């Protein structure tokens, strides 16, 4: 007996898309918030220190 799995594939894409959008939203909040600002400044300072500039 052969089953039609088109609906399952569509549901998997929908769940993956929703999870990706949710993760993107969380990352956006982290980067644009105070934590993200502090993290970016720290990373930038560290890279400048490694290069001997800062």
N, C-alpha and C. Protein backbone atom coordinates (compact mmCIF):
# COMPACT_ATOMS: atom_id res chain seq x y z
N UNK A 1 0.84 -1.18 0.00
CA UNK A 1 0.00 0.00 0.00
C UNK A 1 0.89 1.24 0.00
N UNK A 2 0.62 2.15 -0.91
CA UNK A 2 1.40 3.38 -1.04
C UNK A 2 0.61 4.52 -0.39
N UNK A 3 1.30 5.27 0.48
CA UNK A 3 0.66 6.40 1.15
C UNK A 3 1.09 7.70 0.49
N UNK A 4 0.19 8.65 0.46
CA UNK A 4 0.50 9.98 -0.08
C UNK A 4 1.07 10.83 1.06
N UNK A 5 2.33 11.24 0.95
CA UNK A 5 2.99 11.97 2.03
C UNK A 5 3.18 13.45 1.72
N UNK A 6 2.46 13.99 0.78
CA UNK A 6 2.61 15.41 0.44
C UNK A 6 2.28 16.31 1.61
N UNK A 7 1.26 15.98 2.37
CA UNK A 7 0.88 16.79 3.52
C UNK A 7 1.94 16.81 4.61
N UNK A 8 2.61 15.69 4.80
CA UNK A 8 3.65 15.61 5.81
C UNK A 8 4.83 16.50 5.42
N UNK A 9 5.22 16.46 4.17
CA UNK A 9 6.31 17.29 3.70
C UNK A 9 5.97 18.77 3.86
N UNK A 10 4.77 19.15 3.52
CA UNK A 10 4.34 20.54 3.66
C UNK A 10 4.36 20.95 5.12
N UNK A 11 3.92 20.08 6.01
CA UNK A 11 3.91 20.39 7.44
C UNK A 11 5.34 20.54 7.95
N UNK A 12 6.26 19.71 7.47
CA UNK A 12 7.64 19.83 7.91
C UNK A 12 8.25 21.17 7.48
N UNK A 13 7.96 21.58 6.26
CA UNK A 13 8.44 22.89 5.80
C UNK A 13 7.84 24.02 6.63
N UNK A 14 6.58 23.90 6.98
CA UNK A 14 5.93 24.94 7.77
C UNK A 14 6.56 25.05 9.15
N UNK A 15 6.83 23.91 9.78
CA UNK A 15 7.44 23.91 11.11
C UNK A 15 8.87 24.47 11.01
N UNK A 16 9.62 24.07 9.99
CA UNK A 16 10.98 24.58 9.82
C UNK A 16 11.01 26.08 9.58
N UNK A 17 10.07 26.57 8.79
CA UNK A 17 9.99 28.00 8.51
C UNK A 17 9.64 28.78 9.78
N UNK A 18 8.69 28.27 10.54
CA UNK A 18 8.30 28.94 11.78
C UNK A 18 9.44 28.95 12.78
N UNK A 19 10.17 27.83 12.88
CA UNK A 19 11.31 27.76 13.81
C UNK A 19 12.41 28.73 13.37
N UNK A 20 12.67 28.80 12.08
CA UNK A 20 13.68 29.73 11.57
C UNK A 20 13.32 31.18 11.83
N UNK A 21 12.06 31.51 11.62
CA UNK A 21 11.60 32.88 11.87
C UNK A 21 11.69 33.22 13.35
N UNK A 22 11.35 32.27 14.20
CA UNK A 22 11.44 32.49 15.65
C UNK A 22 12.88 32.71 16.09
N UNK A 23 13.79 31.89 15.58
CA UNK A 23 15.20 32.03 15.92
C UNK A 23 15.75 33.36 15.42
N UNK A 24 15.36 33.76 14.22
CA UNK A 24 15.79 35.05 13.69
C UNK A 24 15.31 36.19 14.59
N UNK A 25 14.09 36.10 15.07
CA UNK A 25 13.55 37.14 15.96
C UNK A 25 14.32 37.22 17.27
N UNK A 26 14.65 36.06 17.84
CA UNK A 26 15.42 36.04 19.09
C UNK A 26 16.81 36.62 18.87
N UNK A 27 17.47 36.23 17.79
CA UNK A 27 18.80 36.76 17.51
C UNK A 27 18.77 38.26 17.27
N UNK A 28 17.73 38.74 16.59
CA UNK A 28 17.59 40.18 16.36
C UNK A 28 17.46 40.93 17.69
N UNK A 29 16.67 40.39 18.60
CA UNK A 29 16.49 41.03 19.90
C UNK A 29 17.81 41.04 20.68
N UNK A 30 18.57 39.95 20.60
CA UNK A 30 19.85 39.89 21.31
C UNK A 30 20.85 40.91 20.75
N UNK A 31 20.91 41.00 19.44
CA UNK A 31 21.90 41.89 18.82
C UNK A 31 21.53 43.36 18.99
N UNK A 32 20.25 43.68 18.91
CA UNK A 32 19.85 45.08 19.01
C UNK A 32 19.65 45.54 20.45
N UNK A 33 19.64 44.62 21.39
CA UNK A 33 19.48 44.99 22.80
C UNK A 33 20.81 45.36 23.43
N UNK A 34 20.81 45.61 24.71
CA UNK A 34 22.02 45.99 25.43
C UNK A 34 23.06 44.90 25.43
N UNK A 35 22.63 43.65 25.54
CA UNK A 35 23.57 42.53 25.55
C UNK A 35 24.32 42.46 24.22
N UNK A 36 23.62 42.60 23.13
CA UNK A 36 24.24 42.54 21.81
C UNK A 36 25.22 43.67 21.60
N UNK A 37 24.86 44.85 22.05
CA UNK A 37 25.74 46.00 21.92
C UNK A 37 27.03 45.78 22.70
N UNK A 38 26.90 45.29 23.91
CA UNK A 38 28.07 45.01 24.74
C UNK A 38 28.92 43.91 24.13
N UNK A 39 28.28 42.87 23.60
CA UNK A 39 29.00 41.76 23.00
C UNK A 39 29.78 42.23 21.77
N UNK A 40 29.14 43.03 20.90
CA UNK A 40 29.81 43.51 19.70
C UNK A 40 30.99 44.42 20.05
N UNK A 41 30.82 45.28 21.03
CA UNK A 41 31.92 46.16 21.45
C UNK A 41 33.08 45.34 22.01
N UNK A 42 32.77 44.32 22.78
CA UNK A 42 33.80 43.46 23.36
C UNK A 42 34.55 42.71 22.27
N UNK A 43 33.83 42.17 21.31
CA UNK A 43 34.47 41.44 20.21
C UNK A 43 35.35 42.37 19.38
N UNK A 44 34.85 43.56 19.08
CA UNK A 44 35.60 44.54 18.29
C UNK A 44 36.88 44.93 19.02
N UNK A 45 36.77 45.17 20.32
CA UNK A 45 37.93 45.53 21.12
C UNK A 45 38.95 44.39 21.14
N UNK A 46 38.46 43.18 21.26
CA UNK A 46 39.34 42.01 21.29
C UNK A 46 40.09 41.86 19.96
N UNK A 47 39.39 42.01 18.85
CA UNK A 47 40.02 41.89 17.53
C UNK A 47 41.08 42.98 17.36
N UNK A 48 40.76 44.21 17.76
CA UNK A 48 41.75 45.29 17.67
C UNK A 48 42.97 45.00 18.52
N UNK A 49 42.74 44.41 19.69
CA UNK A 49 43.86 44.02 20.56
C UNK A 49 44.72 42.95 19.92
N UNK A 50 44.10 41.99 19.27
CA UNK A 50 44.87 40.94 18.59
C UNK A 50 45.69 41.50 17.43
N UNK A 51 45.15 42.51 16.78
CA UNK A 51 45.88 43.13 15.67
C UNK A 51 46.94 44.12 16.14
N UNK A 52 46.95 44.43 17.43
CA UNK A 52 47.93 45.37 17.99
C UNK A 52 47.55 46.82 17.75
N UNK A 53 46.30 47.07 17.40
CA UNK A 53 45.85 48.44 17.12
C UNK A 53 45.26 49.08 18.38
N UNK A 54 44.53 48.31 19.16
CA UNK A 54 43.83 48.87 20.30
C UNK A 54 44.35 48.40 21.53
